[in-house]
Amino acid sequence: MKLLLTSAGLRNETLRQALRDLLQKPFASTNVVYVPTASVAEPGDHGWFVADLNRVYSLGWHEFNILELGGLPRQMVLDRLMHADLIYVQRRIAMRRLIPWRSSSPSRTYTRTGHGSA
């Protein structure tokens, strides 16, 4: 398992290059699953969330998928995660929900981003 932990997403070229290095392939050849679970539950304006989603989406992925962890059948979640080369997680709460799955999938790359002081 490879992790790239950031406090504010992929906001600069240094972080984007670090992710490319971890993936060992271009973004255009990478399937990404964006997991916003904990971010959606936060109160208040979500402009920061939309900006981060657009910033990540605009990197030109081969496939960009959004996965909400709550309420979907377990097998559907697992299938979509297994199809991903990269799992982009919003907030550490969502990362904790992925821990059981992470341990059984060492070939995946994960990136976690935070917002504010959460």
PDB file of N, CA and C in Angstrom:
ATOM      1  N   MET A   1       0.847  -1.173   0.000  1.00  0.00           N
ATOM      2  CA  MET A   1       0.000   0.000   0.000  1.00  0.00           C
ATOM      3  C   MET A   1       0.888   1.231   0.000  1.00  0.00           C
ATOM      4  N   LYS A   2       0.522   2.195  -0.819  1.00  0.00           N
ATOM      5  CA  LYS A   2       1.233   3.466  -0.876  1.00  0.00           C
ATOM      6  C   LYS A   2       0.277   4.556  -0.455  1.00  0.00           C
ATOM      7  N   LEU A   3       0.763   5.499   0.341  1.00  0.00           N
ATOM      8  CA  LEU A   3      -0.061   6.608   0.807  1.00  0.00           C
ATOM      9  C   LEU A   3       0.597   7.935   0.488  1.00  0.00           C
ATOM     10  N   LEU A   4      -0.189   8.888   0.069  1.00  0.00           N
ATOM     11  CA  LEU A   4       0.237  10.270  -0.048  1.00  0.00           C
ATOM     12  C   LEU A   4      -0.745  11.074   0.786  1.00  0.00           C
ATOM     13  N   LEU A   5      -0.290  11.576   1.914  1.00  0.00           N
ATOM     14  CA  LEU A   5      -1.151  12.334   2.820  1.00  0.00           C
ATOM     15  C   LEU A   5      -0.857  13.814   2.664  1.00  0.00           C
ATOM     16  N   THR A   6      -1.892  14.587   2.422  1.00  0.00           N
ATOM     17  CA  THR A   6      -1.734  16.035   2.301  1.00  0.00           C
ATOM     18  C   THR A   6      -2.751  16.718   3.198  1.00  0.00           C
ATOM     19  N   SER A   7      -2.499  17.940   3.526  1.00  0.00           N
ATOM     20  CA  SER A   7      -3.453  18.672   4.360  1.00  0.00           C
ATOM     21  C   SER A   7      -4.433  19.477   3.522  1.00  0.00           C
ATOM     22  N   ALA A   8      -4.168  19.612   2.250  1.00  0.00           N
ATOM     23  CA  ALA A   8      -5.045  20.448   1.424  1.00  0.00           C
ATOM     24  C   ALA A   8      -5.162  19.940  -0.001  1.00  0.00           C
ATOM     25  N   GLY A   9      -5.084  18.650  -0.201  1.00  0.00           N
ATOM     26  CA  GLY A   9      -5.279  18.101  -1.536  1.00  0.00           C
ATOM     27  C   GLY A   9      -4.083  18.280  -2.445  1.00  0.00           C
ATOM     28  N   LEU A  10      -4.326  18.202  -3.739  1.00  0.00           N
ATOM     29  CA  LEU A  10      -3.270  18.292  -4.752  1.00  0.00           C
ATOM     30  C   LEU A  10      -3.212  19.710  -5.304  1.00  0.00           C
ATOM     31  N   ARG A  11      -2.880  20.655  -4.439  1.00  0.00           N
ATOM     32  CA  ARG A  11      -2.951  22.076  -4.787  1.00  0.00           C
ATOM     33  C   ARG A  11      -1.762  22.616  -5.560  1.00  0.00           C
ATOM     34  N   ASN A  12      -0.662  21.873  -5.603  1.00  0.00           N
ATOM     35  CA  ASN A  12       0.498  22.409  -6.324  1.00  0.00           C
ATOM     36  C   ASN A  12       1.199  21.297  -7.102  1.00  0.00           C
ATOM     37  N   GLU A  13       2.086  21.702  -7.985  1.00  0.00           N
ATOM     38  CA  GLU A  13       2.749  20.749  -8.871  1.00  0.00           C
ATOM     39  C   GLU A  13       3.643  19.775  -8.109  1.00  0.00           C
ATOM     40  N   THR A  14       4.221  20.192  -6.999  1.00  0.00           N
ATOM     41  CA  THR A  14       5.057  19.294  -6.209  1.00  0.00           C
ATOM     42  C   THR A  14       4.237  18.109  -5.700  1.00  0.00           C
ATOM     43  N   LEU A  15       3.038  18.373  -5.198  1.00  0.00           N
ATOM     44  CA  LEU A  15       2.174  17.288  -4.724  1.00  0.00           C
ATOM     45  C   LEU A  15       1.674  16.420  -5.877  1.00  0.00           C
ATOM     46  N   ARG A  16       1.338  17.041  -6.987  1.00  0.00           N
ATOM     47  CA  ARG A  16       0.890  16.260  -8.141  1.00  0.00           C
ATOM     48  C   ARG A  16       2.014  15.369  -8.656  1.00  0.00           C
ATOM     49  N   GLN A  17       3.245  15.881  -8.662  1.00  0.00           N
ATOM     50  CA  GLN A  17       4.375  15.062  -9.109  1.00  0.00           C
ATOM     51  C   GLN A  17       4.649  13.924  -8.130  1.00  0.00           C
ATOM     52  N   ALA A  18       4.504  14.182  -6.846  1.00  0.00           N
ATOM     53  CA  ALA A  18       4.675  13.118  -5.850  1.00  0.00           C
ATOM     54  C   ALA A  18       3.654  12.001  -6.094  1.00  0.00           C
ATOM     55  N   LEU A  19       2.436  12.365  -6.449  1.00  0.00           N
ATOM     56  CA  LEU A  19       1.424  11.359  -6.740  1.00  0.00           C
ATOM     57  C   LEU A  19       1.781  10.589  -8.010  1.00  0.00           C
ATOM     58  N   ARG A  20       2.228  11.287  -9.064  1.00  0.00           N
ATOM     59  CA  ARG A  20       2.662  10.599 -10.292  1.00  0.00           C
ATOM     60  C   ARG A  20       3.766   9.595  -9.980  1.00  0.00           C
ATOM     61  N   ASP A  21       4.703  10.012  -9.132  1.00  0.00           N
ATOM     62  CA  ASP A  21       5.808   9.127  -8.760  1.00  0.00           C
ATOM     63  C   ASP A  21       5.299   7.881  -8.036  1.00  0.00           C
ATOM     64  N   LEU A  22       4.327   8.048  -7.156  1.00  0.00           N
ATOM     65  CA  LEU A  22       3.751   6.896  -6.457  1.00  0.00           C
ATOM     66  C   LEU A  22       3.010   5.965  -7.413  1.00  0.00           C
ATOM     67  N   LEU A  23       2.269   6.550  -8.335  1.00  0.00           N
ATOM     68  CA  LEU A  23       1.495   5.753  -9.286  1.00  0.00           C
ATOM     69  C   LEU A  23       2.382   5.039 -10.298  1.00  0.00           C
ATOM     70  N   GLN A  24       3.483   5.650 -10.635  1.00  0.00           N
ATOM     71  CA  GLN A  24       4.413   5.135 -11.649  1.00  0.00           C
ATOM     72  C   GLN A  24       3.751   4.997 -13.023  1.00  0.00           C
ATOM     73  N   LYS A  25       2.801   5.895 -13.281  1.00  0.00           N
ATOM     74  CA  LYS A  25       2.195   5.993 -14.602  1.00  0.00           C
ATOM     75  C   LYS A  25       1.478   7.334 -14.692  1.00  0.00           C
ATOM     76  N   PRO A  26       1.190   7.798 -15.901  1.00  0.00           N
ATOM     77  CA  PRO A  26       0.530   9.100 -16.054  1.00  0.00           C
ATOM     78  C   PRO A  26      -0.922   9.060 -15.575  1.00  0.00           C
ATOM     79  N   PHE A  27      -1.430  10.217 -15.202  1.00  0.00           N
ATOM     80  CA  PHE A  27      -2.822  10.314 -14.772  1.00  0.00           C
ATOM     81  C   PHE A  27      -3.774   9.827 -15.872  1.00  0.00           C
ATOM     82  N   ALA A  28      -3.435  10.090 -17.126  1.00  0.00           N
ATOM     83  CA  ALA A  28      -4.301   9.705 -18.236  1.00  0.00           C
ATOM     84  C   ALA A  28      -4.465   8.190 -18.372  1.00  0.00           C
ATOM     85  N   SER A  29      -3.643   7.431 -17.681  1.00  0.00           N
ATOM     86  CA  SER A  29      -3.738   5.965 -17.689  1.00  0.00           C
ATOM     87  C   SER A  29      -4.258   5.412 -16.364  1.00  0.00           C
ATOM     88  N   THR A  30      -4.725   6.288 -15.497  1.00  0.00           N
ATOM     89  CA  THR A  30      -5.084   5.913 -14.127  1.00  0.00           C
ATOM     90  C   THR A  30      -6.587   6.001 -13.887  1.00  0.00           C
ATOM     91  N   ASN A  31      -7.131   4.968 -13.256  1.00  0.00           N
ATOM     92  CA  ASN A  31      -8.528   4.975 -12.814  1.00  0.00           C
ATOM     93  C   ASN A  31      -8.553   5.436 -11.365  1.00  0.00           C
ATOM     94  N   VAL A  32      -9.328   6.485 -11.106  1.00  0.00           N
ATOM     95  CA  VAL A  32      -9.392   7.040  -9.757  1.00  0.00           C
ATOM     96  C   VAL A  32     -10.810   6.934  -9.216  1.00  0.00           C
ATOM     97  N   VAL A  33     -10.902   6.626  -7.923  1.00  0.00           N
ATOM     98  CA  VAL A  33     -12.165   6.689  -7.193  1.00  0.00           C
ATOM     99  C   VAL A  33     -12.011   7.798  -6.164  1.00  0.00           C
ATOM    100  N   TYR A  34     -12.894   8.767  -6.210  1.00  0.00           N
ATOM    101  CA  TYR A  34     -12.903   9.911  -5.301  1.00  0.00           C
ATOM    102  C   TYR A  34     -13.938   9.613  -4.219  1.00  0.00           C
ATOM    103  N   VAL A  35     -13.502   9.552  -2.949  1.00  0.00           N
ATOM    104  CA  VAL A  35     -14.380   9.199  -1.829  1.00  0.00           C
ATOM    105  C   VAL A  35     -14.594  10.449  -0.961  1.00  0.00           C
ATOM    106  N   PRO A  36     -15.749  11.099  -1.106  1.00  0.00           N
ATOM    107  CA  PRO A  36     -16.007  12.339  -0.370  1.00  0.00           C
ATOM    108  C   PRO A  36     -16.750  12.147   0.949  1.00  0.00           C
ATOM    109  N   THR A  37     -16.980  10.930   1.374  1.00  0.00           N
ATOM    110  CA  THR A  37     -17.915  10.590   2.453  1.00  0.00           C
ATOM    111  C   THR A  37     -17.949  11.568   3.618  1.00  0.00           C
ATOM    112  N   ALA A  38     -16.845  11.769   4.310  1.00  0.00           N
ATOM    113  CA  ALA A  38     -16.854  12.609   5.505  1.00  0.00           C
ATOM    114  C   ALA A  38     -17.068  14.080   5.166  1.00  0.00           C
ATOM    115  N   SER A  39     -16.639  14.512   4.012  1.00  0.00           N
ATOM    116  CA  SER A  39     -16.787  15.912   3.618  1.00  0.00           C
ATOM    117  C   SER A  39     -18.241  16.299   3.410  1.00  0.00           C
ATOM    118  N   VAL A  40     -19.023  15.393   2.872  1.00  0.00           N
ATOM    119  CA  VAL A  40     -20.422  15.667   2.582  1.00  0.00           C
ATOM    120  C   VAL A  40     -21.205  15.901   3.869  1.00  0.00           C
ATOM    121  N   ALA A  41     -20.800  15.267   4.956  1.00  0.00           N
ATOM    122  CA  ALA A  41     -21.520  15.369   6.230  1.00  0.00           C
ATOM    123  C   ALA A  41     -21.228  16.661   6.988  1.00  0.00           C
ATOM    124  N   GLU A  42     -20.218  17.402   6.588  1.00  0.00           N
ATOM    125  CA  GLU A  42     -19.861  18.616   7.315  1.00  0.00           C
ATOM    126  C   GLU A  42     -20.888  19.722   7.099  1.00  0.00           C
ATOM    127  N   PRO A  43     -21.170  20.507   8.146  1.00  0.00           N
ATOM    128  CA  PRO A  43     -22.114  21.612   8.003  1.00  0.00           C
ATOM    129  C   PRO A  43     -21.477  22.792   7.271  1.00  0.00           C
ATOM    130  N   GLY A  44     -22.311  23.667   6.804  1.00  0.00           N
ATOM    131  CA  GLY A  44     -21.827  24.909   6.218  1.00  0.00           C
ATOM    132  C   GLY A  44     -21.594  24.837   4.722  1.00  0.00           C
ATOM    133  N   ASP A  45     -20.989  25.885   4.229  1.00  0.00           N
ATOM    134  CA  ASP A  45     -20.715  26.027   2.804  1.00  0.00           C
ATOM    135  C   ASP A  45     -19.720  24.971   2.338  1.00  0.00           C
ATOM    136  N   HIS A  46     -19.988  24.357   1.214  1.00  0.00           N
ATOM    137  CA  HIS A  46     -19.115  23.311   0.669  1.00  0.00           C
ATOM    138  C   HIS A  46     -18.365  23.766  -0.584  1.00  0.00           C
ATOM    139  N   GLY A  47     -18.163  25.065  -0.703  1.00  0.00           N
ATOM    140  CA  GLY A  47     -17.412  25.567  -1.848  1.00  0.00           C
ATOM    141  C   GLY A  47     -16.018  24.968  -1.927  1.00  0.00           C
ATOM    142  N   TRP A  48     -15.363  24.788  -0.795  1.00  0.00           N
ATOM    143  CA  TRP A  48     -14.029  24.173  -0.756  1.00  0.00           C
ATOM    144  C   TRP A  48     -14.069  22.752  -1.311  1.00  0.00           C
ATOM    145  N   PHE A  49     -15.159  22.033  -1.041  1.00  0.00           N
ATOM    146  CA  PHE A  49     -15.309  20.664  -1.525  1.00  0.00           C
ATOM    147  C   PHE A  49     -15.446  20.637  -3.047  1.00  0.00           C
ATOM    148  N   VAL A  50     -16.293  21.506  -3.568  1.00  0.00           N
ATOM    149  CA  VAL A  50     -16.494  21.586  -5.011  1.00  0.00           C
ATOM    150  C   VAL A  50     -15.187  21.981  -5.700  1.00  0.00           C
ATOM    151  N   ALA A  51     -14.451  22.931  -5.120  1.00  0.00           N
ATOM    152  CA  ALA A  51     -13.168  23.350  -5.694  1.00  0.00           C
ATOM    153  C   ALA A  51     -12.181  22.185  -5.714  1.00  0.00           C
ATOM    154  N   ASP A  52     -12.118  21.416  -4.631  1.00  0.00           N
ATOM    155  CA  ASP A  52     -11.196  20.277  -4.590  1.00  0.00           C
ATOM    156  C   ASP A  52     -11.618  19.206  -5.582  1.00  0.00           C
ATOM    157  N   LEU A  53     -12.903  18.917  -5.640  1.00  0.00           N
ATOM    158  CA  LEU A  53     -13.405  17.931  -6.594  1.00  0.00           C
ATOM    159  C   LEU A  53     -13.038  18.331  -8.020  1.00  0.00           C
ATOM    160  N   ASN A  54     -13.270  19.590  -8.374  1.00  0.00           N
ATOM    161  CA  ASN A  54     -12.926  20.075  -9.717  1.00  0.00           C
ATOM    162  C   ASN A  54     -11.428  20.039  -9.976  1.00  0.00           C
ATOM    163  N   ARG A  55     -10.638  20.390  -8.953  1.00  0.00           N
ATOM    164  CA  ARG A  55      -9.178  20.377  -9.101  1.00  0.00           C
ATOM    165  C   ARG A  55      -8.685  18.955  -9.388  1.00  0.00           C
ATOM    166  N   VAL A  56      -9.196  17.986  -8.654  1.00  0.00           N
ATOM    167  CA  VAL A  56      -8.786  16.598  -8.863  1.00  0.00           C
ATOM    168  C   VAL A  56      -9.300  16.090 -10.209  1.00  0.00           C
ATOM    169  N   TYR A  57     -10.544  16.366 -10.513  1.00  0.00           N
ATOM    170  CA  TYR A  57     -11.129  15.924 -11.782  1.00  0.00           C
ATOM    171  C   TYR A  57     -10.353  16.457 -12.986  1.00  0.00           C
ATOM    172  N   SER A  58      -9.908  17.692 -12.900  1.00  0.00           N
ATOM    173  CA  SER A  58      -9.264  18.348 -14.041  1.00  0.00           C
ATOM    174  C   SER A  58      -7.868  17.810 -14.360  1.00  0.00           C
ATOM    175  N   LEU A  59      -7.366  16.877 -13.581  1.00  0.00           N
ATOM    176  CA  LEU A  59      -6.028  16.339 -13.835  1.00  0.00           C
ATOM    177  C   LEU A  59      -5.995  15.354 -15.004  1.00  0.00           C
ATOM    178  N   GLY A  60      -7.145  15.016 -15.552  1.00  0.00           N
ATOM    179  CA  GLY A  60      -7.180  14.230 -16.786  1.00  0.00           C
ATOM    180  C   GLY A  60      -7.041  12.732 -16.594  1.00  0.00           C
ATOM    181  N   TRP A  61      -7.796  12.169 -15.710  1.00  0.00           N
ATOM    182  CA  TRP A  61      -7.749  10.734 -15.425  1.00  0.00           C
ATOM    183  C   TRP A  61      -8.328   9.908 -16.561  1.00  0.00           C
ATOM    184  N   HIS A  62      -7.914   8.662 -16.649  1.00  0.00           N
ATOM    185  CA  HIS A  62      -8.520   7.734 -17.611  1.00  0.00           C
ATOM    186  C   HIS A  62      -9.987   7.523 -17.247  1.00  0.00           C
ATOM    187  N   GLU A  63     -10.246   7.278 -15.969  1.00  0.00           N
ATOM    188  CA  GLU A  63     -11.616   7.142 -15.469  1.00  0.00           C
ATOM    189  C   GLU A  63     -11.700   7.816 -14.107  1.00  0.00           C
ATOM    190  N   PHE A  64     -12.740   8.617 -13.895  1.00  0.00           N
ATOM    191  CA  PHE A  64     -12.948   9.329 -12.633  1.00  0.00           C
ATOM    192  C   PHE A  64     -14.289   8.890 -12.070  1.00  0.00           C
ATOM    193  N   ASN A  65     -14.273   8.246 -10.916  1.00  0.00           N
ATOM    194  CA  ASN A  65     -15.466   7.703 -10.300  1.00  0.00           C
ATOM    195  C   ASN A  65     -15.634   8.320  -8.918  1.00  0.00           C
ATOM    196  N   ILE A  66     -16.849   8.605  -8.514  1.00  0.00           N
ATOM    197  CA  ILE A  66     -17.129   9.111  -7.167  1.00  0.00           C
ATOM    198  C   ILE A  66     -17.857   8.006  -6.412  1.00  0.00           C
ATOM    199  N   LEU A  67     -17.390   7.740  -5.199  1.00  0.00           N
ATOM    200  CA  LEU A  67     -17.956   6.648  -4.417  1.00  0.00           C
ATOM    201  C   LEU A  67     -18.312   7.119  -3.016  1.00  0.00           C
ATOM    202  N   GLU A  68     -19.580   7.085  -2.703  1.00  0.00           N
ATOM    203  CA  GLU A  68     -20.065   7.357  -1.354  1.00  0.00           C
ATOM    204  C   GLU A  68     -20.090   6.023  -0.615  1.00  0.00           C
ATOM    205  N   LEU A  69     -19.404   5.935   0.509  1.00  0.00           N
ATOM    206  CA  LEU A  69     -19.277   4.663   1.219  1.00  0.00           C
ATOM    207  C   LEU A  69     -20.536   4.259   1.974  1.00  0.00           C
ATOM    208  N   GLY A  70     -21.333   5.223   2.386  1.00  0.00           N
ATOM    209  CA  GLY A  70     -22.516   4.909   3.184  1.00  0.00           C
ATOM    210  C   GLY A  70     -23.695   4.515   2.326  1.00  0.00           C
ATOM    211  N   GLY A  71     -24.356   3.442   2.713  1.00  0.00           N
ATOM    212  CA  GLY A  71     -25.614   3.081   2.084  1.00  0.00           C
ATOM    213  C   GLY A  71     -25.535   2.216   0.847  1.00  0.00           C
ATOM    214  N   LEU A  72     -24.363   1.967   0.319  1.00  0.00           N
ATOM    215  CA  LEU A  72     -24.254   1.103  -0.852  1.00  0.00           C
ATOM    216  C   LEU A  72     -23.955  -0.322  -0.393  1.00  0.00           C
ATOM    217  N   PRO A  73     -24.378  -1.297  -1.166  1.00  0.00           N
ATOM    218  CA  PRO A  73     -24.046  -2.676  -0.810  1.00  0.00           C
ATOM    219  C   PRO A  73     -22.532  -2.875  -0.767  1.00  0.00           C
ATOM    220  N   ARG A  74     -22.082  -3.641   0.219  1.00  0.00           N
ATOM    221  CA  ARG A  74     -20.646  -3.856   0.432  1.00  0.00           C
ATOM    222  C   ARG A  74     -19.941  -4.332  -0.838  1.00  0.00           C
ATOM    223  N   GLN A  75     -20.519  -5.268  -1.554  1.00  0.00           N
ATOM    224  CA  GLN A  75     -19.862  -5.807  -2.742  1.00  0.00           C
ATOM    225  C   GLN A  75     -19.713  -4.745  -3.828  1.00  0.00           C
ATOM    226  N   MET A  76     -20.699  -3.861  -3.958  1.00  0.00           N
ATOM    227  CA  MET A  76     -20.597  -2.786  -4.940  1.00  0.00           C
ATOM    228  C   MET A  76     -19.427  -1.857  -4.598  1.00  0.00           C
ATOM    229  N   VAL A  77     -19.313  -1.520  -3.316  1.00  0.00           N
ATOM    230  CA  VAL A  77     -18.198  -0.674  -2.872  1.00  0.00           C
ATOM    231  C   VAL A  77     -16.875  -1.364  -3.173  1.00  0.00           C
ATOM    232  N   LEU A  78     -16.749  -2.626  -2.809  1.00  0.00           N
ATOM    233  CA  LEU A  78     -15.506  -3.359  -3.033  1.00  0.00           C
ATOM    234  C   LEU A  78     -15.161  -3.464  -4.510  1.00  0.00           C
ATOM    235  N   ASP A  79     -16.145  -3.741  -5.342  1.00  0.00           N
ATOM    236  CA  ASP A  79     -15.897  -3.841  -6.782  1.00  0.00           C
ATOM    237  C   ASP A  79     -15.356  -2.533  -7.346  1.00  0.00           C
ATOM    238  N   ARG A  80     -15.945  -1.427  -6.945  1.00  0.00           N
ATOM    239  CA  ARG A  80     -15.511  -0.131  -7.461  1.00  0.00           C
ATOM    240  C   ARG A  80     -14.119   0.228  -6.934  1.00  0.00           C
ATOM    241  N   LEU A  81     -13.835  -0.113  -5.682  1.00  0.00           N
ATOM    242  CA  LEU A  81     -12.506   0.142  -5.133  1.00  0.00           C
ATOM    243  C   LEU A  81     -11.455  -0.736  -5.801  1.00  0.00           C
ATOM    244  N   MET A  82     -11.789  -1.977  -6.052  1.00  0.00           N
ATOM    245  CA  MET A  82     -10.832  -2.892  -6.683  1.00  0.00           C
ATOM    246  C   MET A  82     -10.499  -2.472  -8.120  1.00  0.00           C
ATOM    247  N   HIS A  83     -11.408  -1.782  -8.777  1.00  0.00           N
ATOM    248  CA  HIS A  83     -11.190  -1.319 -10.153  1.00  0.00           C
ATOM    249  C   HIS A  83     -10.254  -0.102 -10.200  1.00  0.00           C
ATOM    250  N   ALA A  84     -10.062   0.546  -9.067  1.00  0.00           N
ATOM    251  CA  ALA A  84      -9.290   1.795  -9.022  1.00  0.00           C
ATOM    252  C   ALA A  84      -7.792   1.541  -8.889  1.00  0.00           C
ATOM    253  N   ASP A  85      -7.016   2.385  -9.564  1.00  0.00           N
ATOM    254  CA  ASP A  85      -5.571   2.439  -9.341  1.00  0.00           C
ATOM    255  C   ASP A  85      -5.267   3.376  -8.184  1.00  0.00           C
ATOM    256  N   LEU A  86      -6.136   4.364  -8.013  1.00  0.00           N
ATOM    257  CA  LEU A  86      -5.961   5.396  -6.994  1.00  0.00           C
ATOM    258  C   LEU A  86      -7.282   5.614  -6.275  1.00  0.00           C
ATOM    259  N   ILE A  87      -7.218   5.660  -4.957  1.00  0.00           N
ATOM    260  CA  ILE A  87      -8.384   5.993  -4.144  1.00  0.00           C
ATOM    261  C   ILE A  87      -8.075   7.329  -3.477  1.00  0.00           C
ATOM    262  N   TYR A  88      -8.806   8.348  -3.874  1.00  0.00           N
ATOM    263  CA  TYR A  88      -8.617   9.703  -3.357  1.00  0.00           C
ATOM    264  C   TYR A  88      -9.667   9.927  -2.286  1.00  0.00           C
ATOM    265  N   VAL A  89      -9.237  10.099  -1.057  1.00  0.00           N
ATOM    266  CA  VAL A  89     -10.146  10.161   0.077  1.00  0.00           C
ATOM    267  C   VAL A  89     -10.185  11.575   0.638  1.00  0.00           C
ATOM    268  N   GLN A  90     -11.388  12.097   0.808  1.00  0.00           N
ATOM    269  CA  GLN A  90     -11.595  13.385   1.461  1.00  0.00           C
ATOM    270  C   GLN A  90     -11.752  13.129   2.950  1.00  0.00           C
ATOM    271  N   ARG A  91     -10.885  13.670   3.745  1.00  0.00           N
ATOM    272  CA  ARG A  91     -10.992  13.652   5.198  1.00  0.00           C
ATOM    273  C   ARG A  91     -10.568  12.315   5.803  1.00  0.00           C
ATOM    274  N   ARG A  92     -10.003  12.382   6.968  1.00  0.00           N
ATOM    275  CA  ARG A  92      -9.483  11.186   7.632  1.00  0.00           C
ATOM    276  C   ARG A  92     -10.572  10.240   8.110  1.00  0.00           C
ATOM    277  N   ILE A  93     -11.786  10.710   8.334  1.00  0.00           N
ATOM    278  CA  ILE A  93     -12.865   9.817   8.755  1.00  0.00           C
ATOM    279  C   ILE A  93     -13.132   8.778   7.674  1.00  0.00           C
ATOM    280  N   ALA A  94     -13.178   9.203   6.432  1.00  0.00           N
ATOM    281  CA  ALA A  94     -13.397   8.265   5.333  1.00  0.00           C
ATOM    282  C   ALA A  94     -12.248   7.274   5.241  1.00  0.00           C
ATOM    283  N   MET A  95     -11.028   7.731   5.483  1.00  0.00           N
ATOM    284  CA  MET A  95      -9.877   6.832   5.432  1.00  0.00           C
ATOM    285  C   MET A  95     -10.025   5.728   6.471  1.00  0.00           C
ATOM    286  N   ARG A  96     -10.488   6.070   7.661  1.00  0.00           N
ATOM    287  CA  ARG A  96     -10.693   5.054   8.701  1.00  0.00           C
ATOM    288  C   ARG A  96     -11.720   4.025   8.270  1.00  0.00           C
ATOM    289  N   ARG A  97     -12.717   4.431   7.526  1.00  0.00           N
ATOM    290  CA  ARG A  97     -13.734   3.480   7.046  1.00  0.00           C
ATOM    291  C   ARG A  97     -13.152   2.528   6.011  1.00  0.00           C
ATOM    292  N   LEU A  98     -12.060   2.928   5.362  1.00  0.00           N
ATOM    293  CA  LEU A  98     -11.434   2.071   4.360  1.00  0.00           C
ATOM    294  C   LEU A  98     -10.383   1.130   4.947  1.00  0.00           C
ATOM    295  N   ILE A  99     -10.007   1.295   6.207  1.00  0.00           N
ATOM    296  CA  ILE A  99      -8.917   0.510   6.793  1.00  0.00           C
ATOM    297  C   ILE A  99      -9.096  -0.995   6.603  1.00  0.00           C
ATOM    298  N   PRO A 100     -10.252  -1.586   6.886  1.00  0.00           N
ATOM    299  CA  PRO A 100     -10.360  -3.034   6.691  1.00  0.00           C
ATOM    300  C   PRO A 100     -10.096  -3.455   5.249  1.00  0.00           C
ATOM    301  N   TRP A 101     -10.542  -2.667   4.288  1.00  0.00           N
ATOM    302  CA  TRP A 101     -10.330  -2.996   2.888  1.00  0.00           C
ATOM    303  C   TRP A 101      -8.884  -2.768   2.479  1.00  0.00           C
ATOM    304  N   ARG A 102      -8.274  -1.692   2.991  1.00  0.00           N
ATOM    305  CA  ARG A 102      -6.897  -1.352   2.642  1.00  0.00           C
ATOM    306  C   ARG A 102      -5.950  -2.492   2.926  1.00  0.00           C
ATOM    307  N   SER A 103      -6.084  -3.127   4.075  1.00  0.00           N
ATOM    308  CA  SER A 103      -5.135  -4.152   4.486  1.00  0.00           C
ATOM    309  C   SER A 103      -5.141  -5.359   3.564  1.00  0.00           C
ATOM    310  N   SER A 104      -6.214  -5.585   2.837  1.00  0.00           N
ATOM    311  CA  SER A 104      -6.260  -6.734   1.932  1.00  0.00           C
ATOM    312  C   SER A 104      -5.917  -6.364   0.490  1.00  0.00           C
ATOM    313  N   SER A 105      -5.547  -5.117   0.226  1.00  0.00           N
ATOM    314  CA  SER A 105      -5.271  -4.666  -1.137  1.00  0.00           C
ATOM    315  C   SER A 105      -3.970  -3.867  -1.194  1.00  0.00           C
ATOM    316  N   PRO A 106      -2.818  -4.536  -1.077  1.00  0.00           N
ATOM    317  CA  PRO A 106      -1.550  -3.818  -1.000  1.00  0.00           C
ATOM    318  C   PRO A 106      -1.120  -3.133  -2.281  1.00  0.00           C
ATOM    319  N   SER A 107      -1.752  -3.420  -3.409  1.00  0.00           N
ATOM    320  CA  SER A 107      -1.291  -2.837  -4.671  1.00  0.00           C
ATOM    321  C   SER A 107      -1.926  -1.496  -4.994  1.00  0.00           C
ATOM    322  N   ARG A 108      -2.797  -0.999  -4.164  1.00  0.00           N
ATOM    323  CA  ARG A 108      -3.475   0.258  -4.445  1.00  0.00           C
ATOM    324  C   ARG A 108      -2.678   1.450  -3.916  1.00  0.00           C
ATOM    325  N   THR A 109      -2.880   2.597  -4.548  1.00  0.00           N
ATOM    326  CA  THR A 109      -2.306   3.849  -4.073  1.00  0.00           C
ATOM    327  C   THR A 109      -3.442   4.678  -3.494  1.00  0.00           C
ATOM    328  N   TYR A 110      -3.198   5.284  -2.345  1.00  0.00           N
ATOM    329  CA  TYR A 110      -4.202   6.078  -1.667  1.00  0.00           C
ATOM    330  C   TYR A 110      -3.675   7.482  -1.479  1.00  0.00           C
ATOM    331  N   THR A 111      -4.523   8.438  -1.625  1.00  0.00           N
ATOM    332  CA  THR A 111      -4.169   9.785  -1.219  1.00  0.00           C
ATOM    333  C   THR A 111      -5.298  10.321  -0.358  1.00  0.00           C
ATOM    334  N   ARG A 112      -4.944  10.965   0.709  1.00  0.00           N
ATOM    335  CA  ARG A 112      -5.933  11.542   1.612  1.00  0.00           C
ATOM    336  C   ARG A 112      -5.695  13.032   1.673  1.00  0.00           C
ATOM    337  N   THR A 113      -6.750  13.758   1.675  1.00  0.00           N
ATOM    338  CA  THR A 113      -6.634  15.193   1.796  1.00  0.00           C
ATOM    339  C   THR A 113      -7.499  15.676   2.946  1.00  0.00           C
ATOM    340  N   GLY A 114      -7.112  16.753   3.535  1.00  0.00           N
ATOM    341  CA  GLY A 114      -7.892  17.318   4.633  1.00  0.00           C
ATOM    342  C   GLY A 114      -8.386  18.691   4.263  1.00  0.00           C
ATOM    343  N   HIS A 115      -9.168  19.247   5.149  1.00  0.00           N
ATOM    344  CA  HIS A 115      -9.659  20.606   4.971  1.00  0.00           C
ATOM    345  C   HIS A 115      -9.777  21.215   6.350  1.00  0.00           C
ATOM    346  N   GLY A 116      -9.229  22.351   6.535  1.00  0.00           N
ATOM    347  CA  GLY A 116      -9.336  23.018   7.833  1.00  0.00           C
ATOM    348  C   GLY A 116      -8.644  22.213   8.926  1.00  0.00           C
ATOM    349  N   SER A 117      -9.260  22.139  10.087  1.00  0.00           N
ATOM    350  CA  SER A 117      -8.604  21.512  11.233  1.00  0.00           C
ATOM    351  C   SER A 117      -9.176  20.160  11.586  1.00  0.00           C
ATOM    352  N   ALA A 118      -9.986  19.573  10.743  1.00  0.00           N
ATOM    353  CA  ALA A 118     -10.637  18.301  11.069  1.00  0.00           C
ATOM    354  C   ALA A 118      -9.672  17.156  11.205  1.00  0.00           C
TER     355      ALA A 118
END
